Amino acid sequence: MLQQTTVTAVIPYFERFTQLFPTVGDLARADADTVMGAWAGLGYYARARNLHACAQVVARDLGGRFPNTVDGLRALPGIGPYTAAAIAAIAFGRPVVPVDGNVERVTTRLFAMTDPLPPRASRHRTAGGAPE
């Protein structure tokens, strides 16, 4: 919800959305028009569709529980490498570091790196260096 807007602007949307859909099961059972209506005004409507599809997979196939690994999270609709790493680190205490384009730019400038970085998909590692 915070894509291209401020926290202050999002608060009423977030509160309404979480009141309508307090659990992943509630979101999964909602019809698409209701979900899109609750998202209306935020833009980036593919995010709402992906959030709904993700909730349906979690509710239907995973007993309402999100996977706790980067790979498990990546298998869900709409969850990319950065988001999977962020969820795994924050929600499940996994020793992974979410790296987006901004982090890459700052790091490469800070260390005056000139060699191209490897593709992002191959760079998600645990704190010990093993693939997650």
N, C-alpha and C. Protein backbone atom coordinates (compact mmCIF):
# COMPACT_ATOMS: atom_id res chain seq x y z
N MET A 1 0.81 -1.21 0.00
CA MET A 1 0.00 0.00 0.00
C MET A 1 0.85 1.27 0.00
N LEU A 2 2.06 1.17 0.44
CA LEU A 2 2.90 2.35 0.56
C LEU A 2 3.67 2.70 -0.71
N GLN A 3 3.39 2.00 -1.79
CA GLN A 3 4.06 2.31 -3.05
C GLN A 3 3.63 3.69 -3.53
N GLN A 4 4.56 4.59 -3.66
CA GLN A 4 4.32 5.91 -4.24
C GLN A 4 3.34 6.78 -3.45
N THR A 5 3.27 6.59 -2.13
CA THR A 5 2.42 7.45 -1.32
C THR A 5 2.98 7.53 0.09
N THR A 6 2.33 8.29 0.94
CA THR A 6 2.83 8.50 2.30
C THR A 6 2.09 7.63 3.31
N VAL A 7 2.71 7.41 4.44
CA VAL A 7 2.08 6.64 5.51
C VAL A 7 0.77 7.30 5.93
N THR A 8 0.78 8.61 6.07
CA THR A 8 -0.42 9.32 6.49
C THR A 8 -1.58 9.07 5.53
N ALA A 9 -1.30 9.07 4.24
CA ALA A 9 -2.36 8.84 3.25
C ALA A 9 -2.85 7.40 3.28
N VAL A 10 -1.98 6.47 3.63
CA VAL A 10 -2.33 5.04 3.59
C VAL A 10 -3.09 4.58 4.82
N ILE A 11 -2.90 5.21 5.94
CA ILE A 11 -3.49 4.73 7.20
C ILE A 11 -4.98 4.41 7.07
N PRO A 12 -5.83 5.29 6.53
CA PRO A 12 -7.25 4.93 6.46
C PRO A 12 -7.51 3.73 5.54
N TYR A 13 -6.74 3.61 4.46
CA TYR A 13 -6.89 2.45 3.57
C TYR A 13 -6.50 1.17 4.31
N PHE A 14 -5.38 1.20 5.02
CA PHE A 14 -4.90 0.04 5.75
C PHE A 14 -5.91 -0.37 6.83
N GLU A 15 -6.40 0.62 7.57
CA GLU A 15 -7.37 0.30 8.62
C GLU A 15 -8.64 -0.31 8.06
N ARG A 16 -9.15 0.26 6.98
CA ARG A 16 -10.36 -0.28 6.35
C ARG A 16 -10.11 -1.69 5.80
N PHE A 17 -8.96 -1.88 5.15
CA PHE A 17 -8.62 -3.17 4.55
C PHE A 17 -8.52 -4.25 5.63
N THR A 18 -7.83 -3.94 6.72
CA THR A 18 -7.66 -4.94 7.77
C THR A 18 -8.94 -5.16 8.58
N GLN A 19 -9.84 -4.21 8.59
CA GLN A 19 -11.15 -4.44 9.21
C GLN A 19 -11.99 -5.36 8.34
N LEU A 20 -11.94 -5.15 7.03
CA LEU A 20 -12.69 -6.01 6.11
C LEU A 20 -12.12 -7.42 6.06
N PHE A 21 -10.80 -7.52 6.13
CA PHE A 21 -10.10 -8.81 5.97
C PHE A 21 -9.12 -9.01 7.13
N PRO A 22 -9.61 -9.31 8.32
CA PRO A 22 -8.71 -9.43 9.48
C PRO A 22 -7.79 -10.64 9.45
N THR A 23 -8.13 -11.65 8.66
CA THR A 23 -7.27 -12.83 8.57
C THR A 23 -7.02 -13.16 7.11
N VAL A 24 -6.01 -13.98 6.89
CA VAL A 24 -5.71 -14.40 5.52
C VAL A 24 -6.90 -15.18 4.95
N GLY A 25 -7.59 -15.93 5.80
CA GLY A 25 -8.78 -16.67 5.35
C GLY A 25 -9.89 -15.74 4.90
N ASP A 26 -10.09 -14.66 5.63
CA ASP A 26 -11.11 -13.68 5.24
C ASP A 26 -10.79 -13.07 3.89
N LEU A 27 -9.54 -12.74 3.67
CA LEU A 27 -9.13 -12.18 2.38
C LEU A 27 -9.29 -13.22 1.28
N ALA A 28 -8.91 -14.45 1.56
CA ALA A 28 -9.01 -15.53 0.56
C ALA A 28 -10.46 -15.77 0.14
N ARG A 29 -11.39 -15.69 1.08
CA ARG A 29 -12.80 -15.95 0.78
C ARG A 29 -13.51 -14.78 0.12
N ALA A 30 -12.93 -13.60 0.19
CA ALA A 30 -13.57 -12.41 -0.38
C ALA A 30 -13.61 -12.51 -1.90
N ASP A 31 -14.64 -11.92 -2.50
CA ASP A 31 -14.65 -11.91 -3.96
C ASP A 31 -13.73 -10.79 -4.45
N ALA A 32 -13.26 -10.96 -5.67
CA ALA A 32 -12.27 -10.05 -6.23
C ALA A 32 -12.76 -8.60 -6.26
N ASP A 33 -14.04 -8.39 -6.55
CA ASP A 33 -14.56 -7.03 -6.61
C ASP A 33 -14.50 -6.34 -5.25
N THR A 34 -14.74 -7.08 -4.18
CA THR A 34 -14.66 -6.51 -2.84
C THR A 34 -13.23 -6.13 -2.51
N VAL A 35 -12.29 -7.00 -2.85
CA VAL A 35 -10.87 -6.71 -2.61
C VAL A 35 -10.44 -5.48 -3.40
N MET A 36 -10.80 -5.45 -4.67
CA MET A 36 -10.42 -4.31 -5.50
C MET A 36 -11.09 -3.02 -5.02
N GLY A 37 -12.30 -3.12 -4.54
CA GLY A 37 -12.99 -1.95 -4.00
C GLY A 37 -12.29 -1.41 -2.77
N ALA A 38 -11.81 -2.30 -1.92
CA ALA A 38 -11.10 -1.87 -0.71
C ALA A 38 -9.75 -1.25 -1.06
N TRP A 39 -9.19 -1.64 -2.19
CA TRP A 39 -7.89 -1.13 -2.64
C TRP A 39 -8.04 0.16 -3.45
N ALA A 40 -9.23 0.42 -3.95
CA ALA A 40 -9.47 1.54 -4.87
C ALA A 40 -8.92 2.84 -4.31
N GLY A 41 -8.17 3.54 -5.16
CA GLY A 41 -7.58 4.81 -4.80
C GLY A 41 -6.10 4.71 -4.50
N LEU A 42 -5.59 3.48 -4.32
CA LEU A 42 -4.17 3.31 -4.02
C LEU A 42 -3.31 3.12 -5.27
N GLY A 43 -3.93 2.76 -6.38
CA GLY A 43 -3.16 2.46 -7.58
C GLY A 43 -2.47 1.11 -7.46
N TYR A 44 -1.63 0.80 -8.44
CA TYR A 44 -0.90 -0.47 -8.44
C TYR A 44 -1.83 -1.64 -8.15
N TYR A 45 -2.89 -1.75 -8.94
CA TYR A 45 -3.94 -2.73 -8.69
C TYR A 45 -3.48 -4.17 -8.83
N ALA A 46 -2.38 -4.39 -9.56
CA ALA A 46 -1.84 -5.76 -9.63
C ALA A 46 -1.43 -6.24 -8.24
N ARG A 47 -1.02 -5.32 -7.38
CA ARG A 47 -0.66 -5.70 -6.00
C ARG A 47 -1.87 -6.26 -5.27
N ALA A 48 -3.01 -5.64 -5.44
CA ALA A 48 -4.23 -6.13 -4.78
C ALA A 48 -4.62 -7.50 -5.33
N ARG A 49 -4.53 -7.66 -6.65
CA ARG A 49 -4.85 -8.97 -7.25
C ARG A 49 -3.88 -10.04 -6.76
N ASN A 50 -2.59 -9.71 -6.68
CA ASN A 50 -1.60 -10.66 -6.19
C ASN A 50 -1.80 -10.97 -4.71
N LEU A 51 -2.14 -9.97 -3.93
CA LEU A 51 -2.39 -10.18 -2.50
C LEU A 51 -3.57 -11.14 -2.30
N HIS A 52 -4.60 -10.95 -3.09
CA HIS A 52 -5.78 -11.82 -3.03
C HIS A 52 -5.42 -13.24 -3.45
N ALA A 53 -4.70 -13.37 -4.56
CA ALA A 53 -4.28 -14.70 -5.04
C ALA A 53 -3.37 -15.38 -4.03
N CYS A 54 -2.48 -14.63 -3.42
CA CYS A 54 -1.57 -15.17 -2.41
C CYS A 54 -2.37 -15.69 -1.22
N ALA A 55 -3.32 -14.91 -0.75
CA ALA A 55 -4.16 -15.33 0.38
C ALA A 55 -4.91 -16.62 0.04
N GLN A 56 -5.38 -16.73 -1.19
CA GLN A 56 -6.10 -17.94 -1.58
C GLN A 56 -5.19 -19.17 -1.55
N VAL A 57 -3.96 -19.04 -2.01
CA VAL A 57 -3.02 -20.17 -1.98
C VAL A 57 -2.69 -20.53 -0.54
N VAL A 58 -2.40 -19.53 0.28
CA VAL A 58 -2.05 -19.79 1.68
C VAL A 58 -3.21 -20.46 2.41
N ALA A 59 -4.42 -19.97 2.20
CA ALA A 59 -5.58 -20.55 2.87
C ALA A 59 -5.90 -21.96 2.35
N ARG A 60 -5.87 -22.12 1.05
CA ARG A 60 -6.27 -23.39 0.43
C ARG A 60 -5.20 -24.47 0.55
N ASP A 61 -3.95 -24.11 0.30
CA ASP A 61 -2.90 -25.12 0.18
C ASP A 61 -1.99 -25.23 1.40
N LEU A 62 -1.95 -24.20 2.23
CA LEU A 62 -0.97 -24.17 3.32
C LEU A 62 -1.61 -24.06 4.70
N GLY A 63 -2.90 -24.36 4.78
CA GLY A 63 -3.58 -24.33 6.08
C GLY A 63 -3.60 -22.98 6.75
N GLY A 64 -3.51 -21.91 5.95
CA GLY A 64 -3.58 -20.56 6.51
C GLY A 64 -2.27 -20.06 7.08
N ARG A 65 -1.20 -20.81 6.91
CA ARG A 65 0.11 -20.42 7.44
C ARG A 65 1.08 -20.12 6.30
N PHE A 66 1.77 -19.02 6.43
CA PHE A 66 2.76 -18.64 5.43
C PHE A 66 4.02 -19.47 5.59
N PRO A 67 4.68 -19.81 4.48
CA PRO A 67 5.97 -20.49 4.58
C PRO A 67 6.96 -19.59 5.31
N ASN A 68 7.96 -20.19 5.96
CA ASN A 68 8.91 -19.37 6.72
C ASN A 68 10.29 -19.32 6.09
N THR A 69 10.40 -19.72 4.83
CA THR A 69 11.68 -19.64 4.11
C THR A 69 11.53 -18.73 2.90
N VAL A 70 12.64 -18.23 2.43
CA VAL A 70 12.63 -17.39 1.24
C VAL A 70 12.06 -18.17 0.06
N ASP A 71 12.52 -19.40 -0.14
CA ASP A 71 12.04 -20.19 -1.27
C ASP A 71 10.54 -20.46 -1.17
N GLY A 72 10.06 -20.78 0.02
CA GLY A 72 8.63 -21.01 0.20
C GLY A 72 7.81 -19.77 -0.06
N LEU A 73 8.29 -18.64 0.40
CA LEU A 73 7.59 -17.37 0.17
C LEU A 73 7.62 -16.98 -1.31
N ARG A 74 8.76 -17.23 -1.97
CA ARG A 74 8.88 -16.90 -3.40
C ARG A 74 7.90 -17.69 -4.25
N ALA A 75 7.48 -18.85 -3.77
CA ALA A 75 6.55 -19.68 -4.54
C ALA A 75 5.13 -19.11 -4.52
N LEU A 76 4.87 -18.14 -3.68
CA LEU A 76 3.53 -17.55 -3.59
C LEU A 76 3.34 -16.46 -4.64
N PRO A 77 2.10 -16.30 -5.12
CA PRO A 77 1.82 -15.25 -6.11
C PRO A 77 2.16 -13.86 -5.59
N GLY A 78 2.88 -13.11 -6.40
CA GLY A 78 3.14 -11.71 -6.10
C GLY A 78 4.28 -11.44 -5.14
N ILE A 79 4.96 -12.48 -4.66
CA ILE A 79 6.08 -12.26 -3.74
C ILE A 79 7.38 -12.47 -4.49
N GLY A 80 8.12 -11.37 -4.65
CA GLY A 80 9.39 -11.42 -5.35
C GLY A 80 10.55 -11.61 -4.39
N PRO A 81 11.76 -11.59 -4.91
CA PRO A 81 12.95 -11.86 -4.09
C PRO A 81 13.12 -10.91 -2.90
N TYR A 82 12.96 -9.61 -3.14
CA TYR A 82 13.15 -8.65 -2.05
C TYR A 82 12.09 -8.85 -0.96
N THR A 83 10.84 -8.96 -1.37
CA THR A 83 9.75 -9.11 -0.39
C THR A 83 9.89 -10.42 0.37
N ALA A 84 10.25 -11.50 -0.33
CA ALA A 84 10.43 -12.79 0.33
C ALA A 84 11.53 -12.70 1.38
N ALA A 85 12.64 -12.07 1.03
CA ALA A 85 13.74 -11.93 1.99
C ALA A 85 13.32 -11.06 3.17
N ALA A 86 12.60 -9.98 2.90
CA ALA A 86 12.15 -9.10 3.99
C ALA A 86 11.20 -9.82 4.93
N ILE A 87 10.24 -10.55 4.39
CA ILE A 87 9.30 -11.30 5.23
C ILE A 87 10.04 -12.36 6.04
N ALA A 88 10.91 -13.11 5.37
CA ALA A 88 11.65 -14.18 6.06
C ALA A 88 12.49 -13.61 7.21
N ALA A 89 13.14 -12.48 6.97
CA ALA A 89 13.99 -11.88 8.00
C ALA A 89 13.16 -11.28 9.14
N ILE A 90 12.14 -10.52 8.80
CA ILE A 90 11.38 -9.78 9.81
C ILE A 90 10.39 -10.69 10.55
N ALA A 91 9.62 -11.46 9.81
CA ALA A 91 8.56 -12.26 10.43
C ALA A 91 9.06 -13.58 11.02
N PHE A 92 10.11 -14.14 10.42
CA PHE A 92 10.54 -15.47 10.82
C PHE A 92 11.98 -15.53 11.33
N GLY A 93 12.64 -14.38 11.43
CA GLY A 93 13.99 -14.33 11.99
C GLY A 93 15.04 -15.06 11.16
N ARG A 94 14.77 -15.26 9.88
CA ARG A 94 15.74 -15.92 9.02
C ARG A 94 16.94 -15.00 8.80
N PRO A 95 18.14 -15.55 8.76
CA PRO A 95 19.34 -14.72 8.57
C PRO A 95 19.59 -14.38 7.09
N VAL A 96 18.66 -13.64 6.51
CA VAL A 96 18.78 -13.19 5.12
C VAL A 96 18.69 -11.67 5.09
N VAL A 97 19.25 -11.10 4.05
CA VAL A 97 19.26 -9.64 3.92
C VAL A 97 18.48 -9.26 2.67
N PRO A 98 17.39 -8.51 2.84
CA PRO A 98 16.67 -8.04 1.65
C PRO A 98 17.48 -6.94 0.96
N VAL A 99 17.72 -7.14 -0.32
CA VAL A 99 18.51 -6.17 -1.09
C VAL A 99 17.70 -5.75 -2.30
N ASP A 100 17.44 -4.45 -2.38
CA ASP A 100 16.74 -3.92 -3.56
C ASP A 100 17.71 -3.06 -4.35
N GLY A 101 17.21 -2.47 -5.41
CA GLY A 101 18.05 -1.64 -6.28
C GLY A 101 18.68 -0.47 -5.56
N ASN A 102 17.97 0.13 -4.61
CA ASN A 102 18.52 1.26 -3.87
C ASN A 102 19.70 0.83 -3.01
N VAL A 103 19.57 -0.30 -2.34
CA VAL A 103 20.68 -0.82 -1.52
C VAL A 103 21.87 -1.12 -2.41
N GLU A 104 21.62 -1.72 -3.57
CA GLU A 104 22.71 -2.01 -4.50
C GLU A 104 23.43 -0.74 -4.94
N ARG A 105 22.68 0.29 -5.30
CA ARG A 105 23.30 1.54 -5.76
C ARG A 105 24.16 2.16 -4.67
N VAL A 106 23.64 2.23 -3.46
CA VAL A 106 24.40 2.83 -2.36
C VAL A 106 25.65 2.02 -2.08
N THR A 107 25.51 0.70 -2.02
CA THR A 107 26.66 -0.16 -1.72
C THR A 107 27.73 -0.08 -2.79
N THR A 108 27.32 -0.12 -4.05
CA THR A 108 28.33 -0.05 -5.11
C THR A 108 29.05 1.30 -5.10
N ARG A 109 28.35 2.36 -4.78
CA ARG A 109 29.01 3.67 -4.72
C ARG A 109 29.90 3.78 -3.49
N LEU A 110 29.41 3.29 -2.36
CA LEU A 110 30.17 3.36 -1.12
C LEU A 110 31.50 2.64 -1.25
N PHE A 111 31.50 1.49 -1.90
CA PHE A 111 32.72 0.70 -2.05
C PHE A 111 33.38 0.86 -3.42
N ALA A 112 32.93 1.85 -4.18
CA ALA A 112 33.48 2.15 -5.51
C ALA A 112 33.58 0.89 -6.37
N MET A 113 32.54 0.09 -6.36
CA MET A 113 32.52 -1.15 -7.14
C MET A 113 32.27 -0.81 -8.60
N THR A 114 33.02 -1.45 -9.48
CA THR A 114 32.84 -1.20 -10.91
C THR A 114 32.44 -2.45 -11.67
N ASP A 115 32.67 -3.63 -11.10
CA ASP A 115 32.26 -4.88 -11.76
C ASP A 115 30.76 -5.04 -11.65
N PRO A 116 30.13 -5.54 -12.70
CA PRO A 116 28.68 -5.77 -12.65
C PRO A 116 28.34 -6.79 -11.56
N LEU A 117 27.23 -6.56 -10.90
CA LEU A 117 26.76 -7.51 -9.89
C LEU A 117 26.12 -8.71 -10.59
N PRO A 118 26.16 -9.87 -9.94
CA PRO A 118 25.46 -11.04 -10.52
C PRO A 118 23.96 -10.80 -10.52
N PRO A 119 23.22 -11.57 -11.28
CA PRO A 119 21.75 -11.42 -11.28
C PRO A 119 21.21 -11.53 -9.85
N ARG A 120 20.23 -10.71 -9.55
CA ARG A 120 19.70 -10.63 -8.20
C ARG A 120 19.21 -11.98 -7.68
N ALA A 121 18.60 -12.80 -8.50
CA ALA A 121 18.05 -14.08 -8.05
C ALA A 121 19.12 -14.98 -7.47
N SER A 122 20.36 -14.84 -7.89
CA SER A 122 21.41 -15.71 -7.39
C SER A 122 22.09 -15.15 -6.14
N ARG A 123 21.63 -14.00 -5.67
CA ARG A 123 22.31 -13.34 -4.56
C ARG A 123 21.60 -13.44 -3.23
N HIS A 124 20.53 -14.18 -3.11
CA HIS A 124 19.85 -14.29 -1.83
C HIS A 124 20.51 -15.38 -1.02
N ARG A 125 21.24 -14.94 -0.03
CA ARG A 125 22.05 -15.85 0.79
C ARG A 125 21.72 -15.62 2.27
N THR A 126 22.00 -16.62 3.06
CA THR A 126 21.86 -16.46 4.50
C THR A 126 23.07 -15.67 5.01
N ALA A 127 23.03 -15.30 6.27
CA ALA A 127 24.15 -14.57 6.85
C ALA A 127 25.44 -15.37 6.77
N GLY A 128 25.36 -16.70 6.78
CA GLY A 128 26.53 -17.55 6.69
C GLY A 128 26.98 -17.81 5.27
N GLY A 129 26.26 -17.31 4.28
CA GLY A 129 26.65 -17.44 2.89
C GLY A 129 25.94 -18.53 2.12
N ALA A 130 25.19 -19.38 2.81
CA ALA A 130 24.49 -20.47 2.11
C ALA A 130 23.23 -19.95 1.45
N PRO A 131 22.87 -20.52 0.31
CA PRO A 131 21.60 -20.10 -0.32
C PRO A 131 20.44 -20.34 0.62
N GLU A 132 19.48 -19.45 0.60
CA GLU A 132 18.27 -19.60 1.44
C GLU A 132 17.23 -20.34 0.66
